[in-house]
Protein backbone atom coordinates (compact mmCIF):
# COMPACT_ATOMS: atom_id res chain seq x y z
CA MET A 1 -19.47 -11.77 15.57
CA ALA A 2 -17.66 -10.47 18.68
CA GLU A 3 -18.41 -6.87 20.09
CA PRO A 4 -15.24 -4.82 19.29
CA ASN A 5 -13.35 -3.36 22.18
CA LEU A 6 -12.73 -0.35 21.22
CA THR A 7 -10.98 1.00 23.73
CA ALA A 8 -8.23 -1.54 23.85
CA PHE A 9 -6.73 -1.48 20.41
CA GLU A 10 -2.73 -2.19 21.07
CA PRO A 11 -1.77 -3.37 17.57
CA THR A 12 1.35 -5.97 18.02
CA ARG A 13 0.46 -8.11 15.02
CA ALA A 14 1.03 -6.99 11.21
CA ILE A 15 1.54 -7.93 7.30
CA VAL A 16 2.45 -6.11 4.57
CA THR A 17 2.43 -7.15 1.73
CA ALA A 18 5.08 -7.25 -0.99
CA SER A 19 7.11 -5.76 1.58
CA ASP A 20 10.53 -7.56 -0.22
CA SER A 21 11.56 -3.73 -1.33
CA GLY A 22 10.50 -0.55 -1.30
CA ILE A 23 7.60 1.05 0.28
CA GLY A 24 6.31 -2.40 1.89
CA ARG A 25 10.35 -2.69 3.47
CA ALA A 26 10.21 0.60 5.11
CA THR A 27 6.43 0.31 6.07
CA ALA A 28 7.27 -3.12 7.79
CA VAL A 29 10.47 -1.77 9.46
CA ALA A 30 8.39 1.02 10.80
CA LEU A 31 5.54 -1.16 12.64
CA ALA A 32 8.53 -2.67 13.73
CA GLN A 33 9.65 -0.02 15.55
CA ALA A 34 6.14 0.50 16.74
CA GLY A 35 6.26 -2.71 18.80
CA MET A 36 4.61 -5.10 15.90
CA ASP A 37 5.72 -8.74 14.92
CA ILE A 38 5.31 -8.72 11.18
CA GLY A 39 3.97 -10.93 8.34
CA ILE A 40 6.07 -10.57 5.09
CA THR A 41 5.31 -11.59 1.68
CA TRP A 42 7.03 -11.61 -1.62
CA ARG A 43 6.35 -12.82 -4.84
CA SER A 44 10.01 -12.84 -6.89
CA ASP A 45 12.85 -11.60 -4.44
CA GLU A 46 12.51 -14.31 -1.58
CA ALA A 47 16.03 -12.98 -0.60
CA GLY A 48 14.50 -9.39 -0.67
CA ALA A 49 12.17 -10.61 1.74
CA LEU A 50 14.78 -12.04 3.99
CA GLU A 51 16.74 -8.72 4.49
CA THR A 52 13.26 -6.83 5.44
CA ALA A 53 12.78 -10.48 8.34
CA ALA A 54 16.68 -9.13 9.51
CA GLU A 55 15.60 -5.33 10.02
CA VAL A 56 12.42 -6.30 11.90
CA GLU A 57 14.49 -8.91 13.82
CA ARG A 58 17.47 -6.56 14.94
CA LEU A 59 14.65 -4.42 16.31
CA GLY A 60 13.90 -7.11 18.22
CA ARG A 61 10.28 -8.19 16.55
CA THR A 62 9.22 -11.74 15.40
CA ALA A 63 8.72 -11.70 11.31
CA HIS A 64 7.16 -14.53 9.74
CA VAL A 65 8.08 -14.68 5.79
CA SER A 66 6.23 -16.29 2.76
CA ARG A 67 5.76 -15.77 -0.78
CA LEU A 68 2.21 -14.47 -1.87
CA ASP A 69 1.45 -13.68 -5.09
CA VAL A 70 -2.37 -11.62 -5.31
CA THR A 71 -2.72 -12.49 -8.38
CA GLU A 72 -3.60 -16.18 -7.59
CA LEU A 73 -7.04 -14.92 -5.92
CA THR A 74 -8.14 -18.32 -4.44
CA ASP A 75 -4.82 -19.02 -3.10
CA ALA A 76 -4.00 -15.47 -1.70
CA PRO A 77 -6.33 -15.81 1.38
CA ALA A 78 -4.72 -18.61 2.93
CA ILE A 79 -1.28 -17.08 3.04
CA VAL A 80 -2.99 -14.26 4.77
CA ASP A 81 -4.39 -16.32 7.23
CA ARG A 82 -1.15 -18.71 7.61
CA LEU A 83 0.92 -15.31 8.74
CA ALA A 84 -1.54 -14.55 10.62
CA ASP A 85 -1.59 -17.71 12.43
CA ALA A 86 2.01 -17.89 12.78
CA LEU A 87 1.66 -14.12 14.25
CA GLY A 88 -0.92 -15.31 16.70
CA GLY A 89 -3.19 -12.73 15.48
CA LEU A 90 -3.82 -9.94 12.73
CA ASP A 91 -4.06 -6.09 14.16
CA VAL A 92 -2.87 -3.87 10.86
CA PHE A 93 -3.04 -5.50 7.03
CA VAL A 94 -1.35 -3.34 4.72
CA ASN A 95 -2.16 -3.83 1.20
CA ASN A 96 1.11 -2.89 -0.55
CA ALA A 97 1.31 -5.39 -3.38
CA GLY A 98 1.06 -3.28 -6.84
CA ALA A 99 2.04 -3.13 -10.55
CA GLY A 100 2.55 -0.89 -12.91
CA LEU A 101 2.10 -0.07 -16.58
CA SER A 102 3.34 2.06 -19.52
CA THR A 103 1.57 1.34 -22.47
CA PRO A 104 -0.47 3.78 -24.57
CA PHE A 105 -4.72 3.18 -24.00
CA LEU A 106 -4.89 1.80 -27.74
CA GLU A 107 -2.39 -0.71 -27.28
CA VAL A 108 -3.41 -2.19 -24.16
CA SER A 109 -4.35 -5.75 -24.74
CA LEU A 110 -6.90 -7.08 -22.54
CA ASP A 111 -4.54 -9.78 -20.89
CA THR A 112 -2.55 -6.59 -20.12
CA TRP A 113 -5.60 -5.04 -18.61
CA ARG A 114 -7.12 -8.39 -16.81
CA SER A 115 -3.46 -8.80 -14.95
CA ILE A 116 -3.06 -5.13 -14.07
CA MET A 117 -6.40 -5.52 -12.62
CA ALA A 118 -5.53 -8.84 -10.76
CA THR A 119 -2.57 -7.72 -9.29
CA ASP A 120 -3.87 -3.85 -7.93
CA LEU A 121 -7.43 -4.81 -7.43
CA ASP A 122 -8.56 -8.30 -7.67
CA GLY A 123 -5.85 -9.21 -5.34
CA ALA A 124 -6.29 -6.65 -3.29
CA PHE A 125 -9.81 -7.70 -2.45
CA VAL A 126 -9.49 -10.89 -1.76
CA CYS A 127 -6.47 -10.33 0.40
CA MET A 128 -8.22 -7.22 2.47
CA GLN A 129 -11.22 -8.96 2.73
CA ARG A 130 -9.63 -12.05 4.57
CA ALA A 131 -7.90 -9.78 6.72
CA ALA A 132 -11.03 -8.16 7.65
CA ARG A 133 -13.16 -11.24 8.18
CA ARG A 134 -10.47 -12.33 10.78
CA MET A 135 -10.48 -8.68 12.60
CA VAL A 136 -14.09 -9.23 12.72
CA ASP A 137 -14.00 -12.43 13.70
CA ALA A 138 -11.50 -11.76 17.03
CA GLY A 139 -13.74 -8.49 17.68
CA THR A 140 -10.61 -6.60 18.90
CA GLY A 141 -10.68 -3.86 15.66
CA GLY A 142 -8.01 -3.47 13.81
CA ARG A 143 -6.35 -0.83 10.79
CA ILE A 144 -6.61 -1.73 7.28
CA ILE A 145 -4.20 0.73 5.04
CA ALA A 146 -3.85 0.10 0.84
CA VAL A 147 -1.14 1.68 -0.82
CA THR A 148 -2.48 3.31 -4.01
CA SER A 149 -1.20 6.12 -5.84
CA VAL A 150 -1.57 9.72 -6.61
CA HIS A 151 -3.17 8.01 -10.00
CA GLU A 152 -5.92 7.41 -7.59
CA HIS A 153 -6.76 11.05 -8.09
CA GLN A 154 -5.70 11.86 -11.34
CA PRO A 155 -4.76 9.93 -14.38
CA MET A 156 -1.68 9.87 -16.41
CA VAL A 157 -0.82 9.09 -19.76
CA GLY A 158 0.18 5.71 -20.35
CA SER A 159 -1.46 4.11 -17.39
CA SER A 160 -5.16 3.78 -18.23
CA ALA A 161 -5.13 0.23 -16.95
CA TYR A 162 -3.59 1.29 -13.69
CA ASP A 163 -5.08 4.66 -13.52
CA ALA A 164 -8.39 2.26 -13.19
CA ALA A 165 -7.62 0.05 -10.71
CA LYS A 166 -5.78 2.30 -8.15
CA HIS A 167 -9.59 4.56 -8.77
CA GLY A 168 -11.28 1.18 -7.85
CA LEU A 169 -8.86 0.49 -5.10
CA GLY A 170 -9.90 4.05 -3.37
CA GLY A 171 -13.25 3.24 -3.99
CA LEU A 172 -12.96 -0.03 -2.42
CA VAL A 173 -11.42 1.00 0.30
CA LYS A 174 -14.21 3.85 1.47
CA ALA A 175 -16.92 1.09 1.00
CA MET A 176 -14.88 -0.96 3.32
CA ALA A 177 -14.46 2.12 5.80
CA LEU A 178 -18.18 2.39 5.98
CA GLU A 179 -19.05 -0.54 6.20
CA LEU A 180 -16.13 -2.00 9.11
CA ALA A 181 -16.38 1.08 10.88
CA SER A 182 -18.65 -0.55 13.75
CA GLN A 183 -16.30 -3.28 14.24
CA GLY A 184 -13.46 -0.76 15.14
CA ILE A 185 -11.90 -1.54 12.05
CA THR A 186 -10.21 1.90 9.96
CA VAL A 187 -9.89 1.39 6.58
CA ASN A 188 -7.50 4.21 4.82
CA ALA A 189 -5.32 4.67 1.72
CA VAL A 190 -2.45 6.29 1.45
CA ALA A 191 -1.60 7.37 -2.00
CA PRO A 192 2.54 8.08 -3.19
CA GLY A 193 3.44 10.48 -5.45
CA GLU A 194 7.25 9.92 -7.00
CA ILE A 195 8.92 7.88 -4.60
CA ALA A 196 12.56 6.40 -4.73
CA THR A 197 11.71 3.25 -5.17
CA PRO A 198 12.30 0.33 -7.80
CA MET A 199 8.97 0.73 -9.09
CA THR A 200 9.38 4.06 -9.89
CA GLY A 201 13.09 3.43 -12.00
CA ASN A 202 14.65 5.09 -8.55
CA GLU A 203 16.38 2.11 -6.76
CA ASP A 204 19.64 3.21 -4.58
CA VAL A 205 18.65 7.00 -5.57
CA ASP A 206 18.85 9.16 -2.18
CA PRO A 207 15.99 10.98 -3.60
CA ARG A 208 17.19 14.49 -1.34
CA GLU A 209 19.98 14.12 -4.41
CA GLU A 210 17.49 14.39 -7.26
CA HIS A 211 15.33 17.47 -8.67
CA ARG A 212 11.84 17.65 -10.02
CA SER A 213 10.85 20.85 -10.83
CA GLY A 214 7.36 19.73 -11.41
CA ILE A 215 6.93 19.06 -7.73
CA PRO A 216 7.06 21.90 -5.10
CA ALA A 217 9.33 19.72 -3.07
CA GLY A 218 11.82 19.79 -5.67
CA ARG A 219 12.15 16.07 -5.31
CA PRO A 220 11.01 12.70 -4.92
CA GLY A 221 9.90 10.86 -1.99
CA ASP A 222 11.42 8.83 0.41
CA ALA A 223 10.19 5.18 1.05
CA ARG A 224 10.31 6.04 4.40
CA GLU A 225 7.95 8.98 4.38
CA VAL A 226 5.62 7.15 2.81
CA ALA A 227 6.02 4.27 5.80
CA ALA A 228 5.50 7.15 8.38
CA VAL A 229 2.18 7.64 7.31
CA ILE A 230 1.09 4.46 7.16
CA ALA A 231 2.41 3.74 10.62
CA PHE A 232 0.25 6.87 11.86
CA LEU A 233 -2.61 5.16 10.09
CA ALA A 234 -2.17 1.74 11.85
CA SER A 235 -1.85 3.65 15.41
CA PRO A 236 -4.11 3.51 17.96
CA PRO A 237 -4.47 7.74 18.08
CA ALA A 238 -5.59 7.35 14.37
CA ALA A 239 -8.58 5.93 15.18
CA TYR A 240 -10.94 8.24 13.89
CA VAL A 241 -9.39 8.52 10.65
CA THR A 242 -11.17 6.06 8.10
CA GLY A 243 -12.31 6.43 4.32
CA SER A 244 -9.77 8.86 3.93
CA SER A 245 -6.71 8.67 1.10
CA VAL A 246 -4.09 10.47 2.38
CA VAL A 247 -1.90 11.93 -0.20
CA VAL A 248 2.11 11.92 0.08
CA ASP A 249 3.73 13.47 -3.30
CA GLY A 250 5.39 16.70 -2.24
CA GLY A 251 2.84 18.56 -3.57
CA MET A 252 2.45 17.15 -7.34
CA LEU A 253 -1.51 17.03 -7.31
CA GLN A 254 -1.50 20.09 -6.47
CA MET A 255 0.10 21.49 -9.77
CA GLY A 256 -2.65 21.14 -12.45
CA PRO A 257 -3.00 24.31 -13.25
CA GLN A 258 0.60 25.16 -12.97
CA ALA A 259 1.63 22.53 -14.82
CA GLY A 260 -0.42 23.08 -16.90
CA ALA A 261 0.14 26.79 -17.54
CA ALA A 262 4.14 25.50 -17.34
CA VAL A 263 3.64 23.30 -20.64
CA THR A 264 5.39 24.43 -24.01
CA SER A 265 5.02 21.73 -26.18
CA ASP A 266 2.60 18.59 -26.99
CA ASP A 267 5.46 16.15 -25.78
CA TRP A 268 3.24 15.15 -22.80
CA ARG A 269 0.79 13.61 -25.12
CA SER A 270 2.43 10.52 -25.99
CA LEU A 271 5.11 8.28 -24.42
């Protein structure tokens, strides 16, 4: 096992999963702006991935595109390897692929539960493990960032499987941070709140034109605001940040007692 050179980390090669739209695309662009060539993955939207690649290339960086279904647990690590080989190595890995759920707990089938876990937790494990192994073998340090959710920290009605998976992913990040720090690899989570992306039903919406009374910032977030935090965590100056979960939610999580005091009906108890 190579000894890491902790003073020489200069990231130039990154993989961002599910970078065909939303936070993933914004992150790929932000990392390209920071001087990195990007491995881009998609599951069902190849056209979107190619649009991301075009944005990266307009910034003068190289883009490599591959289909990746993280629920294909035996095949997914090989896709990480393929992209890392195409990039000539791997300095930054952003696990952005995920799936949501809006179903009451009593109605969640075992198949649905397993599908959410496979996407949000199992797939994250196999991909981040392969990325970490490559970084350890290279001996030059690295950055691993998992996109979780505010629901890594607080649950939501109708999201039992999603909440459990994101809580689990947050715990995995902390364990990885402990074990990989000696290799110069930092591992952190970024936990978005409501961000204007297709996943939250806000596609093609300018978040600054939307109002949210329950969010102190008064609006949803922009995917680029999440990407900016990820880009910092991927950078050399973030070398002393590891095992953290950085919440990007406009203050939503701080509304606990205030939101509770403001609720005047039991409508929140059901979907």
